[in-house]
Amino acid sequence: MYSSTIFKEFVERHGWGEGDSRIVLLDSGDGNYIEVFAGGTGETRPEGSYFHVAFRSNNVDAAVETAVAAGAVVTVDPKDVILGSNPPTPVRIAFVKGLNGEIIEFFDSTGENKL
């Protein structure tokens, strides 16, 4: 039996999009999130693999430069965007493709509504 002190309930903190384009950020209670995507490809992936991971960074541009120096390839250059609308959440965001084909996201909350 698992102890409830180890596993916490996730709380929906942010969400945007609709239907198969919906994305939800679930807060683990300690400032970390699990990002859940609706839809999906139905593609079977090898055990232990993942296709997307996001890292909070205080300097997205420098994080991208470091990843590229290690062999990653930029797929989305650093840019400023607004996530959702309730509340709107400004972030600086970028994506690279890692050495195993995984998508690595770097983000930094840039407005009052911090992730």
PDB file of N, CA and C in Angstrom:
ATOM      1  N   MET A   1       0.843  -1.171   0.000  1.00  0.00           N
ATOM      2  CA  MET A   1       0.000   0.000   0.000  1.00  0.00           C
ATOM      3  C   MET A   1       0.890   1.236   0.000  1.00  0.00           C
ATOM      4  N   TYR A   2       0.539   2.228  -0.836  1.00  0.00           N
ATOM      5  CA  TYR A   2       1.314   3.456  -0.925  1.00  0.00           C
ATOM      6  C   TYR A   2       0.842   4.463   0.104  1.00  0.00           C
ATOM      7  N   SER A   3       1.776   5.177   0.685  1.00  0.00           N
ATOM      8  CA  SER A   3       1.455   6.192   1.680  1.00  0.00           C
ATOM      9  C   SER A   3       0.997   7.470   0.989  1.00  0.00           C
ATOM     10  N   SER A   4      -0.037   8.091   1.507  1.00  0.00           N
ATOM     11  CA  SER A   4      -0.531   9.345   0.918  1.00  0.00           C
ATOM     12  C   SER A   4       0.458  10.476   1.134  1.00  0.00           C
ATOM     13  N   THR A   5       1.422  10.311   2.040  1.00  0.00           N
ATOM     14  CA  THR A   5       2.424  11.356   2.228  1.00  0.00           C
ATOM     15  C   THR A   5       3.451  11.353   1.104  1.00  0.00           C
ATOM     16  N   ILE A   6       3.545  10.254   0.384  1.00  0.00           N
ATOM     17  CA  ILE A   6       4.472  10.179  -0.743  1.00  0.00           C
ATOM     18  C   ILE A   6       3.811  10.696  -2.017  1.00  0.00           C
ATOM     19  N   PHE A   7       2.587  10.271  -2.276  1.00  0.00           N
ATOM     20  CA  PHE A   7       1.905  10.643  -3.500  1.00  0.00           C
ATOM     21  C   PHE A   7       0.864  11.714  -3.203  1.00  0.00           C
ATOM     22  N   LYS A   8       0.961  12.829  -3.898  1.00  0.00           N
ATOM     23  CA  LYS A   8       0.030  13.932  -3.723  1.00  0.00           C
ATOM     24  C   LYS A   8      -0.950  13.940  -4.882  1.00  0.00           C
ATOM     25  N   GLU A   9      -2.050  14.616  -4.681  1.00  0.00           N
ATOM     26  CA  GLU A   9      -2.984  14.813  -5.782  1.00  0.00           C
ATOM     27  C   GLU A   9      -2.458  15.921  -6.675  1.00  0.00           C
ATOM     28  N   PHE A  10      -2.582  15.736  -7.962  1.00  0.00           N
ATOM     29  CA  PHE A  10      -2.247  16.787  -8.898  1.00  0.00           C
ATOM     30  C   PHE A  10      -3.466  17.683  -9.059  1.00  0.00           C
ATOM     31  N   VAL A  11      -3.232  18.986  -9.182  1.00  0.00           N
ATOM     32  CA  VAL A  11      -4.303  19.961  -9.332  1.00  0.00           C
ATOM     33  C   VAL A  11      -4.123  20.676 -10.663  1.00  0.00           C
ATOM     34  N   GLU A  12      -5.203  20.759 -11.449  1.00  0.00           N
ATOM     35  CA  GLU A  12      -5.116  21.485 -12.711  1.00  0.00           C
ATOM     36  C   GLU A  12      -4.839  22.947 -12.418  1.00  0.00           C
ATOM     37  N   ARG A  13      -3.728  23.439 -12.949  1.00  0.00           N
ATOM     38  CA  ARG A  13      -3.310  24.814 -12.679  1.00  0.00           C
ATOM     39  C   ARG A  13      -3.557  25.712 -13.883  1.00  0.00           C
ATOM     40  N   HIS A  14      -3.271  25.199 -15.065  1.00  0.00           N
ATOM     41  CA  HIS A  14      -3.441  25.959 -16.306  1.00  0.00           C
ATOM     42  C   HIS A  14      -3.941  25.008 -17.378  1.00  0.00           C
ATOM     43  N   GLY A  15      -4.684  25.533 -18.323  1.00  0.00           N
ATOM     44  CA  GLY A  15      -5.130  24.745 -19.458  1.00  0.00           C
ATOM     45  C   GLY A  15      -5.496  25.655 -20.608  1.00  0.00           C
ATOM     46  N   TRP A  16      -5.359  25.135 -21.817  1.00  0.00           N
ATOM     47  CA  TRP A  16      -5.743  25.902 -22.994  1.00  0.00           C
ATOM     48  C   TRP A  16      -6.040  24.938 -24.123  1.00  0.00           C
ATOM     49  N   GLY A  17      -6.684  25.459 -25.152  1.00  0.00           N
ATOM     50  CA  GLY A  17      -7.074  24.644 -26.301  1.00  0.00           C
ATOM     51  C   GLY A  17      -8.357  23.874 -26.018  1.00  0.00           C
ATOM     52  N   GLU A  18      -8.827  23.171 -27.053  1.00  0.00           N
ATOM     53  CA  GLU A  18     -10.065  22.398 -26.938  1.00  0.00           C
ATOM     54  C   GLU A  18      -9.914  21.071 -27.666  1.00  0.00           C
ATOM     55  N   GLY A  19     -10.738  20.108 -27.281  1.00  0.00           N
ATOM     56  CA  GLY A  19     -10.760  18.809 -27.951  1.00  0.00           C
ATOM     57  C   GLY A  19      -9.396  18.160 -27.973  1.00  0.00           C
ATOM     58  N   ASP A  20      -8.994  17.622 -29.129  1.00  0.00           N
ATOM     59  CA  ASP A  20      -7.707  16.956 -29.259  1.00  0.00           C
ATOM     60  C   ASP A  20      -6.520  17.911 -29.204  1.00  0.00           C
ATOM     61  N   SER A  21      -6.790  19.218 -29.158  1.00  0.00           N
ATOM     62  CA  SER A  21      -5.714  20.209 -29.044  1.00  0.00           C
ATOM     63  C   SER A  21      -5.567  20.732 -27.620  1.00  0.00           C
ATOM     64  N   ARG A  22      -6.308  20.163 -26.673  1.00  0.00           N
ATOM     65  CA  ARG A  22      -6.266  20.641 -25.287  1.00  0.00           C
ATOM     66  C   ARG A  22      -4.964  20.227 -24.605  1.00  0.00           C
ATOM     67  N   ILE A  23      -4.425  21.169 -23.811  1.00  0.00           N
ATOM     68  CA  ILE A  23      -3.231  20.942 -23.009  1.00  0.00           C
ATOM     69  C   ILE A  23      -3.548  21.396 -21.591  1.00  0.00           C
ATOM     70  N   VAL A  24      -3.138  20.604 -20.611  1.00  0.00           N
ATOM     71  CA  VAL A  24      -3.376  20.933 -19.212  1.00  0.00           C
ATOM     72  C   VAL A  24      -2.065  20.776 -18.443  1.00  0.00           C
ATOM     73  N   LEU A  25      -1.781  21.752 -17.567  1.00  0.00           N
ATOM     74  CA  LEU A  25      -0.655  21.646 -16.653  1.00  0.00           C
ATOM     75  C   LEU A  25      -1.192  21.245 -15.287  1.00  0.00           C
ATOM     76  N   LEU A  26      -0.706  20.105 -14.791  1.00  0.00           N
ATOM     77  CA  LEU A  26      -1.106  19.612 -13.481  1.00  0.00           C
ATOM     78  C   LEU A  26       0.009  19.908 -12.489  1.00  0.00           C
ATOM     79  N   ASP A  27      -0.326  20.657 -11.439  1.00  0.00           N
ATOM     80  CA  ASP A  27       0.631  21.066 -10.413  1.00  0.00           C
ATOM     81  C   ASP A  27       0.783  19.951  -9.388  1.00  0.00           C
ATOM     82  N   SER A  28       2.019  19.560  -9.126  1.00  0.00           N
ATOM     83  CA  SER A  28       2.282  18.499  -8.152  1.00  0.00           C
ATOM     84  C   SER A  28       2.320  19.028  -6.724  1.00  0.00           C
ATOM     85  N   GLY A  29       2.207  20.340  -6.550  1.00  0.00           N
ATOM     86  CA  GLY A  29       2.186  20.934  -5.226  1.00  0.00           C
ATOM     87  C   GLY A  29       3.519  21.484  -4.767  1.00  0.00           C
ATOM     88  N   ASP A  30       4.568  21.253  -5.550  1.00  0.00           N
ATOM     89  CA  ASP A  30       5.886  21.748  -5.155  1.00  0.00           C
ATOM     90  C   ASP A  30       6.525  22.628  -6.225  1.00  0.00           C
ATOM     91  N   GLY A  31       5.687  23.191  -7.112  1.00  0.00           N
ATOM     92  CA  GLY A  31       6.199  24.058  -8.167  1.00  0.00           C
ATOM     93  C   GLY A  31       6.552  23.332  -9.447  1.00  0.00           C
ATOM     94  N   ASN A  32       6.332  22.024  -9.497  1.00  0.00           N
ATOM     95  CA  ASN A  32       6.573  21.255 -10.713  1.00  0.00           C
ATOM     96  C   ASN A  32       5.245  20.855 -11.324  1.00  0.00           C
ATOM     97  N   TYR A  33       5.258  20.604 -12.631  1.00  0.00           N
ATOM     98  CA  TYR A  33       4.047  20.287 -13.366  1.00  0.00           C
ATOM     99  C   TYR A  33       4.229  19.046 -14.213  1.00  0.00           C
ATOM    100  N   ILE A  34       3.114  18.390 -14.476  1.00  0.00           N
ATOM    101  CA  ILE A  34       3.039  17.405 -15.542  1.00  0.00           C
ATOM    102  C   ILE A  34       2.157  18.033 -16.607  1.00  0.00           C
ATOM    103  N   GLU A  35       2.647  18.049 -17.831  1.00  0.00           N
ATOM    104  CA  GLU A  35       1.901  18.619 -18.952  1.00  0.00           C
ATOM    105  C   GLU A  35       1.220  17.468 -19.680  1.00  0.00           C
ATOM    106  N   VAL A  36      -0.108  17.512 -19.762  1.00  0.00           N
ATOM    107  CA  VAL A  36      -0.879  16.429 -20.363  1.00  0.00           C
ATOM    108  C   VAL A  36      -1.510  16.940 -21.654  1.00  0.00           C
ATOM    109  N   PHE A  37      -1.313  16.170 -22.725  1.00  0.00           N
ATOM    110  CA  PHE A  37      -1.831  16.525 -24.039  1.00  0.00           C
ATOM    111  C   PHE A  37      -3.006  15.628 -24.388  1.00  0.00           C
ATOM    112  N   ALA A  38      -4.096  16.213 -24.863  1.00  0.00           N
ATOM    113  CA  ALA A  38      -5.233  15.418 -25.345  1.00  0.00           C
ATOM    114  C   ALA A  38      -4.869  14.810 -26.702  1.00  0.00           C
ATOM    115  N   GLY A  39      -5.692  13.925 -27.164  1.00  0.00           N
ATOM    116  CA  GLY A  39      -5.463  13.327 -28.486  1.00  0.00           C
ATOM    117  C   GLY A  39      -4.344  12.317 -28.428  1.00  0.00           C
ATOM    118  N   GLY A  40      -3.295  12.561 -29.157  1.00  0.00           N
ATOM    119  CA  GLY A  40      -2.176  11.617 -29.209  1.00  0.00           C
ATOM    120  C   GLY A  40      -2.136  10.951 -30.565  1.00  0.00           C
ATOM    121  N   THR A  41      -1.038  10.277 -30.829  1.00  0.00           N
ATOM    122  CA  THR A  41      -0.856   9.654 -32.139  1.00  0.00           C
ATOM    123  C   THR A  41      -1.275   8.198 -32.144  1.00  0.00           C
ATOM    124  N   GLY A  42      -1.356   7.589 -30.966  1.00  0.00           N
ATOM    125  CA  GLY A  42      -1.644   6.159 -30.909  1.00  0.00           C
ATOM    126  C   GLY A  42      -0.411   5.321 -31.212  1.00  0.00           C
ATOM    127  N   GLU A  43       0.705   5.987 -31.489  1.00  0.00           N
ATOM    128  CA  GLU A  43       1.956   5.310 -31.826  1.00  0.00           C
ATOM    129  C   GLU A  43       2.541   4.640 -30.579  1.00  0.00           C
ATOM    130  N   THR A  44       2.958   3.392 -30.701  1.00  0.00           N
ATOM    131  CA  THR A  44       3.608   2.695 -29.600  1.00  0.00           C
ATOM    132  C   THR A  44       5.063   3.120 -29.542  1.00  0.00           C
ATOM    133  N   ARG A  45       5.500   3.497 -28.369  1.00  0.00           N
ATOM    134  CA  ARG A  45       6.885   3.928 -28.183  1.00  0.00           C
ATOM    135  C   ARG A  45       7.639   2.861 -27.401  1.00  0.00           C
ATOM    136  N   PRO A  46       8.956   2.787 -27.617  1.00  0.00           N
ATOM    137  CA  PRO A  46       9.747   1.811 -26.863  1.00  0.00           C
ATOM    138  C   PRO A  46       9.647   2.069 -25.362  1.00  0.00           C
ATOM    139  N   GLU A  47       9.690   1.009 -24.576  1.00  0.00           N
ATOM    140  CA  GLU A  47       9.613   1.139 -23.125  1.00  0.00           C
ATOM    141  C   GLU A  47      10.719   2.056 -22.617  1.00  0.00           C
ATOM    142  N   GLY A  48      10.350   2.943 -21.712  1.00  0.00           N
ATOM    143  CA  GLY A  48      11.316   3.853 -21.115  1.00  0.00           C
ATOM    144  C   GLY A  48      11.572   5.109 -21.920  1.00  0.00           C
ATOM    145  N   SER A  49      10.922   5.253 -23.066  1.00  0.00           N
ATOM    146  CA  SER A  49      11.154   6.445 -23.878  1.00  0.00           C
ATOM    147  C   SER A  49      10.099   7.500 -23.590  1.00  0.00           C
ATOM    148  N   TYR A  50      10.392   8.698 -23.936  1.00  0.00           N
ATOM    149  CA  TYR A  50       9.435   9.793 -23.854  1.00  0.00           C
ATOM    150  C   TYR A  50       9.616  10.648 -25.081  1.00  0.00           C
ATOM    151  N   PHE A  51       8.588  11.428 -25.396  1.00  0.00           N
ATOM    152  CA  PHE A  51       8.709  12.242 -26.599  1.00  0.00           C
ATOM    153  C   PHE A  51       8.841  13.721 -26.286  1.00  0.00           C
ATOM    154  N   HIS A  52       8.550  14.137 -25.059  1.00  0.00           N
ATOM    155  CA  HIS A  52       8.576  15.557 -24.736  1.00  0.00           C
ATOM    156  C   HIS A  52       8.846  15.726 -23.245  1.00  0.00           C
ATOM    157  N   VAL A  53       9.771  16.606 -22.938  1.00  0.00           N
ATOM    158  CA  VAL A  53      10.024  16.984 -21.550  1.00  0.00           C
ATOM    159  C   VAL A  53      10.270  18.491 -21.537  1.00  0.00           C
ATOM    160  N   ALA A  54       9.783  19.169 -20.487  1.00  0.00           N
ATOM    161  CA  ALA A  54       9.944  20.621 -20.390  1.00  0.00           C
ATOM    162  C   ALA A  54      10.745  20.966 -19.144  1.00  0.00           C
ATOM    163  N   PHE A  55      11.615  21.952 -19.292  1.00  0.00           N
ATOM    164  CA  PHE A  55      12.434  22.421 -18.184  1.00  0.00           C
ATOM    165  C   PHE A  55      12.237  23.918 -18.000  1.00  0.00           C
ATOM    166  N   ARG A  56      11.988  24.310 -16.760  1.00  0.00           N
ATOM    167  CA  ARG A  56      11.921  25.732 -16.423  1.00  0.00           C
ATOM    168  C   ARG A  56      13.345  26.258 -16.409  1.00  0.00           C
ATOM    169  N   SER A  57      13.548  27.451 -16.955  1.00  0.00           N
ATOM    170  CA  SER A  57      14.879  28.047 -17.019  1.00  0.00           C
ATOM    171  C   SER A  57      14.773  29.546 -16.767  1.00  0.00           C
ATOM    172  N   ASN A  58      15.777  30.104 -16.140  1.00  0.00           N
ATOM    173  CA  ASN A  58      15.827  31.559 -15.973  1.00  0.00           C
ATOM    174  C   ASN A  58      16.388  32.252 -17.204  1.00  0.00           C
ATOM    175  N   ASN A  59      16.943  31.459 -18.137  1.00  0.00           N
ATOM    176  CA  ASN A  59      17.510  32.026 -19.354  1.00  0.00           C
ATOM    177  C   ASN A  59      17.321  31.014 -20.488  1.00  0.00           C
ATOM    178  N   VAL A  60      16.188  31.109 -21.158  1.00  0.00           N
ATOM    179  CA  VAL A  60      15.839  30.164 -22.227  1.00  0.00           C
ATOM    180  C   VAL A  60      16.876  30.187 -23.341  1.00  0.00           C
ATOM    181  N   ASP A  61      17.314  31.370 -23.739  1.00  0.00           N
ATOM    182  CA  ASP A  61      18.269  31.484 -24.845  1.00  0.00           C
ATOM    183  C   ASP A  61      19.576  30.755 -24.515  1.00  0.00           C
ATOM    184  N   ALA A  62      20.076  30.923 -23.297  1.00  0.00           N
ATOM    185  CA  ALA A  62      21.314  30.249 -22.896  1.00  0.00           C
ATOM    186  C   ALA A  62      21.108  28.737 -22.794  1.00  0.00           C
ATOM    187  N   ALA A  63      19.935  28.308 -22.331  1.00  0.00           N
ATOM    188  CA  ALA A  63      19.645  26.869 -22.250  1.00  0.00           C
ATOM    189  C   ALA A  63      19.666  26.246 -23.640  1.00  0.00           C
ATOM    190  N   VAL A  64      19.096  26.936 -24.613  1.00  0.00           N
ATOM    191  CA  VAL A  64      19.097  26.441 -25.992  1.00  0.00           C
ATOM    192  C   VAL A  64      20.530  26.352 -26.515  1.00  0.00           C
ATOM    193  N   GLU A  65      21.329  27.379 -26.282  1.00  0.00           N
ATOM    194  CA  GLU A  65      22.725  27.371 -26.730  1.00  0.00           C
ATOM    195  C   GLU A  65      23.488  26.184 -26.132  1.00  0.00           C
ATOM    196  N   THR A  66      23.261  25.907 -24.852  1.00  0.00           N
ATOM    197  CA  THR A  66      23.924  24.788 -24.192  1.00  0.00           C
ATOM    198  C   THR A  66      23.484  23.451 -24.795  1.00  0.00           C
ATOM    199  N   ALA A  67      22.181  23.310 -25.049  1.00  0.00           N
ATOM    200  CA  ALA A  67      21.663  22.081 -25.652  1.00  0.00           C
ATOM    201  C   ALA A  67      22.237  21.870 -27.051  1.00  0.00           C
ATOM    202  N   VAL A  68      22.305  22.936 -27.846  1.00  0.00           N
ATOM    203  CA  VAL A  68      22.850  22.844 -29.209  1.00  0.00           C
ATOM    204  C   VAL A  68      24.328  22.460 -29.158  1.00  0.00           C
ATOM    205  N   ALA A  69      25.065  23.022 -28.211  1.00  0.00           N
ATOM    206  CA  ALA A  69      26.487  22.678 -28.071  1.00  0.00           C
ATOM    207  C   ALA A  69      26.664  21.194 -27.738  1.00  0.00           C
ATOM    208  N   ALA A  70      25.638  20.592 -27.105  1.00  0.00           N
ATOM    209  CA  ALA A  70      25.694  19.165 -26.762  1.00  0.00           C
ATOM    210  C   ALA A  70      25.158  18.274 -27.878  1.00  0.00           C
ATOM    211  N   GLY A  71      24.701  18.881 -28.986  1.00  0.00           N
ATOM    212  CA  GLY A  71      24.257  18.097 -30.130  1.00  0.00           C
ATOM    213  C   GLY A  71      22.788  18.183 -30.467  1.00  0.00           C
ATOM    214  N   ALA A  72      22.005  18.910 -29.674  1.00  0.00           N
ATOM    215  CA  ALA A  72      20.574  19.076 -29.972  1.00  0.00           C
ATOM    216  C   ALA A  72      20.396  19.987 -31.180  1.00  0.00           C
ATOM    217  N   VAL A  73      19.220  19.890 -31.797  1.00  0.00           N
ATOM    218  CA  VAL A  73      18.890  20.705 -32.967  1.00  0.00           C
ATOM    219  C   VAL A  73      17.673  21.564 -32.623  1.00  0.00           C
ATOM    220  N   VAL A  74      17.772  22.858 -32.881  1.00  0.00           N
ATOM    221  CA  VAL A  74      16.664  23.771 -32.591  1.00  0.00           C
ATOM    222  C   VAL A  74      15.495  23.467 -33.522  1.00  0.00           C
ATOM    223  N   THR A  75      14.299  23.296 -32.958  1.00  0.00           N
ATOM    224  CA  THR A  75      13.089  23.109 -33.760  1.00  0.00           C
ATOM    225  C   THR A  75      12.179  24.332 -33.676  1.00  0.00           C
ATOM    226  N   VAL A  76      12.240  25.064 -32.563  1.00  0.00           N
ATOM    227  CA  VAL A  76      11.519  26.339 -32.418  1.00  0.00           C
ATOM    228  C   VAL A  76      12.462  27.296 -31.693  1.00  0.00           C
ATOM    229  N   ASP A  77      12.859  28.360 -32.380  1.00  0.00           N
ATOM    230  CA  ASP A  77      13.739  29.358 -31.776  1.00  0.00           C
ATOM    231  C   ASP A  77      13.069  30.007 -30.573  1.00  0.00           C
ATOM    232  N   PRO A  78      13.860  30.509 -29.620  1.00  0.00           N
ATOM    233  CA  PRO A  78      13.273  31.194 -28.473  1.00  0.00           C
ATOM    234  C   PRO A  78      12.347  32.321 -28.917  1.00  0.00           C
ATOM    235  N   LYS A  79      11.172  32.363 -28.275  1.00  0.00           N
ATOM    236  CA  LYS A  79      10.200  33.406 -28.590  1.00  0.00           C
ATOM    237  C   LYS A  79       9.297  33.624 -27.384  1.00  0.00           C
ATOM    238  N   ASP A  80       8.630  34.775 -27.367  1.00  0.00           N
ATOM    239  CA  ASP A  80       7.689  35.114 -26.310  1.00  0.00           C
ATOM    240  C   ASP A  80       6.281  34.797 -26.772  1.00  0.00           C
ATOM    241  N   VAL A  81       5.526  34.077 -25.935  1.00  0.00           N
ATOM    242  CA  VAL A  81       4.141  33.712 -26.249  1.00  0.00           C
ATOM    243  C   VAL A  81       3.284  33.859 -24.994  1.00  0.00           C
ATOM    244  N   ILE A  82       1.981  33.846 -25.190  1.00  0.00           N
ATOM    245  CA  ILE A  82       1.021  33.852 -24.096  1.00  0.00           C
ATOM    246  C   ILE A  82       0.341  32.482 -24.087  1.00  0.00           C
ATOM    247  N   LEU A  83       0.417  31.772 -22.964  1.00  0.00           N
ATOM    248  CA  LEU A  83      -0.274  30.492 -22.822  1.00  0.00           C
ATOM    249  C   LEU A  83      -1.645  30.749 -22.219  1.00  0.00           C
ATOM    250  N   GLY A  84      -2.674  30.245 -22.867  1.00  0.00           N
ATOM    251  CA  GLY A  84      -4.023  30.331 -22.333  1.00  0.00           C
ATOM    252  C   GLY A  84      -4.538  31.746 -22.214  1.00  0.00           C
ATOM    253  N   SER A  85      -5.716  31.850 -21.595  1.00  0.00           N
ATOM    254  CA  SER A  85      -6.324  33.167 -21.429  1.00  0.00           C
ATOM    255  C   SER A  85      -6.966  33.343 -20.060  1.00  0.00           C
ATOM    256  N   ASN A  86      -6.985  32.282 -19.256  1.00  0.00           N
ATOM    257  CA  ASN A  86      -7.656  32.387 -17.969  1.00  0.00           C
ATOM    258  C   ASN A  86      -6.819  31.746 -16.869  1.00  0.00           C
ATOM    259  N   PRO A  87      -5.834  32.367 -16.358  1.00  0.00           N
ATOM    260  CA  PRO A  87      -5.331  33.691 -16.709  1.00  0.00           C
ATOM    261  C   PRO A  87      -4.312  33.594 -17.840  1.00  0.00           C
ATOM    262  N   PRO A  88      -4.117  34.681 -18.588  1.00  0.00           N
ATOM    263  CA  PRO A  88      -3.063  34.674 -19.605  1.00  0.00           C
ATOM    264  C   PRO A  88      -1.702  34.549 -18.920  1.00  0.00           C
ATOM    265  N   THR A  89      -0.856  33.697 -19.480  1.00  0.00           N
ATOM    266  CA  THR A  89       0.433  33.410 -18.853  1.00  0.00           C
ATOM    267  C   THR A  89       1.555  33.641 -19.860  1.00  0.00           C
ATOM    268  N   PRO A  90       2.214  34.803 -19.787  1.00  0.00           N
ATOM    269  CA  PRO A  90       3.326  35.077 -20.697  1.00  0.00           C
ATOM    270  C   PRO A  90       4.545  34.218 -20.356  1.00  0.00           C
ATOM    271  N   VAL A  91       5.150  33.641 -21.379  1.00  0.00           N
ATOM    272  CA  VAL A  91       6.363  32.841 -21.202  1.00  0.00           C
ATOM    273  C   VAL A  91       7.324  33.085 -22.360  1.00  0.00           C
ATOM    274  N   ARG A  92       8.587  32.855 -22.094  1.00  0.00           N
ATOM    275  CA  ARG A  92       9.591  32.739 -23.159  1.00  0.00           C
ATOM    276  C   ARG A  92       9.781  31.250 -23.314  1.00  0.00           C
ATOM    277  N   ILE A  93       9.780  30.777 -24.561  1.00  0.00           N
ATOM    278  CA  ILE A  93       9.736  29.344 -24.812  1.00  0.00           C
ATOM    279  C   ILE A  93      10.603  29.003 -26.019  1.00  0.00           C
ATOM    280  N   ALA A  94      11.160  27.804 -26.025  1.00  0.00           N
ATOM    281  CA  ALA A  94      11.936  27.301 -27.169  1.00  0.00           C
ATOM    282  C   ALA A  94      11.915  25.781 -27.113  1.00  0.00           C
ATOM    283  N   PHE A  95      12.175  25.156 -28.271  1.00  0.00           N
ATOM    284  CA  PHE A  95      12.194  23.696 -28.365  1.00  0.00           C
ATOM    285  C   PHE A  95      13.427  23.250 -29.140  1.00  0.00           C
ATOM    286  N   VAL A  96      14.003  22.132 -28.684  1.00  0.00           N
ATOM    287  CA  VAL A  96      15.087  21.488 -29.422  1.00  0.00           C
ATOM    288  C   VAL A  96      14.772  20.005 -29.523  1.00  0.00           C
ATOM    289  N   LYS A  97      15.379  19.352 -30.503  1.00  0.00           N
ATOM    290  CA  LYS A  97      15.275  17.897 -30.631  1.00  0.00           C
ATOM    291  C   LYS A  97      16.555  17.314 -30.065  1.00  0.00           C
ATOM    292  N   GLY A  98      16.397  16.415 -29.083  1.00  0.00           N
ATOM    293  CA  GLY A  98      17.542  15.779 -28.436  1.00  0.00           C
ATOM    294  C   GLY A  98      18.142  14.675 -29.277  1.00  0.00           C
ATOM    295  N   LEU A  99      19.180  14.066 -28.765  1.00  0.00           N
ATOM    296  CA  LEU A  99      19.944  13.071 -29.510  1.00  0.00           C
ATOM    297  C   LEU A  99      19.187  11.779 -29.756  1.00  0.00           C
ATOM    298  N   ASN A 100      18.127  11.515 -28.989  1.00  0.00           N
ATOM    299  CA  ASN A 100      17.295  10.329 -29.212  1.00  0.00           C
ATOM    300  C   ASN A 100      15.976  10.676 -29.880  1.00  0.00           C
ATOM    301  N   GLY A 101      15.869  11.892 -30.423  1.00  0.00           N
ATOM    302  CA  GLY A 101      14.656  12.306 -31.108  1.00  0.00           C
ATOM    303  C   GLY A 101      13.600  12.904 -30.194  1.00  0.00           C
ATOM    304  N   GLU A 102      13.875  12.987 -28.885  1.00  0.00           N
ATOM    305  CA  GLU A 102      12.908  13.567 -27.965  1.00  0.00           C
ATOM    306  C   GLU A 102      12.851  15.088 -28.142  1.00  0.00           C
ATOM    307  N   ILE A 103      11.705  15.663 -27.848  1.00  0.00           N
ATOM    308  CA  ILE A 103      11.523  17.106 -27.917  1.00  0.00           C
ATOM    309  C   ILE A 103      11.762  17.665 -26.526  1.00  0.00           C
ATOM    310  N   ILE A 104      12.696  18.598 -26.420  1.00  0.00           N
ATOM    311  CA  ILE A 104      13.021  19.240 -25.146  1.00  0.00           C
ATOM    312  C   ILE A 104      12.547  20.689 -25.228  1.00  0.00           C
ATOM    313  N   GLU A 105      11.728  21.054 -24.259  1.00  0.00           N
ATOM    314  CA  GLU A 105      11.172  22.405 -24.192  1.00  0.00           C
ATOM    315  C   GLU A 105      11.859  23.148 -23.052  1.00  0.00           C
ATOM    316  N   PHE A 106      12.194  24.405 -23.298  1.00  0.00           N
ATOM    317  CA  PHE A 106      12.688  25.289 -22.249  1.00  0.00           C
ATOM    318  C   PHE A 106      11.687  26.430 -22.131  1.00  0.00           C
ATOM    319  N   PHE A 107      11.335  26.803 -20.885  1.00  0.00           N
ATOM    320  CA  PHE A 107      10.405  27.911 -20.713  1.00  0.00           C
ATOM    321  C   PHE A 107      10.756  28.725 -19.473  1.00  0.00           C
ATOM    322  N   ASP A 108      10.338  29.977 -19.511  1.00  0.00           N
ATOM    323  CA  ASP A 108      10.495  30.881 -18.382  1.00  0.00           C
ATOM    324  C   ASP A 108       9.243  31.740 -18.310  1.00  0.00           C
ATOM    325  N   SER A 109       8.592  31.773 -17.151  1.00  0.00           N
ATOM    326  CA  SER A 109       7.444  32.661 -16.958  1.00  0.00           C
ATOM    327  C   SER A 109       7.960  34.089 -16.938  1.00  0.00           C
ATOM    328  N   THR A 110       7.363  34.954 -17.729  1.00  0.00           N
ATOM    329  CA  THR A 110       7.884  36.313 -17.848  1.00  0.00           C
ATOM    330  C   THR A 110       6.919  37.376 -17.341  1.00  0.00           C
ATOM    331  N   GLY A 111       5.731  36.980 -16.905  1.00  0.00           N
ATOM    332  CA  GLY A 111       4.743  37.943 -16.427  1.00  0.00           C
ATOM    333  C   GLY A 111       4.425  37.744 -14.958  1.00  0.00           C
ATOM    334  N   GLU A 112       3.360  38.376 -14.521  1.00  0.00           N
ATOM    335  CA  GLU A 112       2.942  38.283 -13.116  1.00  0.00           C
ATOM    336  C   GLU A 112       2.428  36.887 -12.763  1.00  0.00           C
ATOM    337  N   ASN A 113       1.767  36.218 -13.694  1.00  0.00           N
ATOM    338  CA  ASN A 113       1.214  34.880 -13.433  1.00  0.00           C
ATOM    339  C   ASN A 113       2.289  33.843 -13.700  1.00  0.00           C
ATOM    340  N   LYS A 114       3.023  33.463 -12.660  1.00  0.00           N
ATOM    341  CA  LYS A 114       4.157  32.547 -12.802  1.00  0.00           C
ATOM    342  C   LYS A 114       3.711  31.094 -12.840  1.00  0.00           C
ATOM    343  N   LEU A 115       4.372  30.309 -13.657  1.00  0.00           N
ATOM    344  CA  LEU A 115       4.187  28.861 -13.667  1.00  0.00           C
ATOM    345  C   LEU A 115       5.094  28.252 -12.621  1.00  0.00           C
TER     346      LEU A 115
END
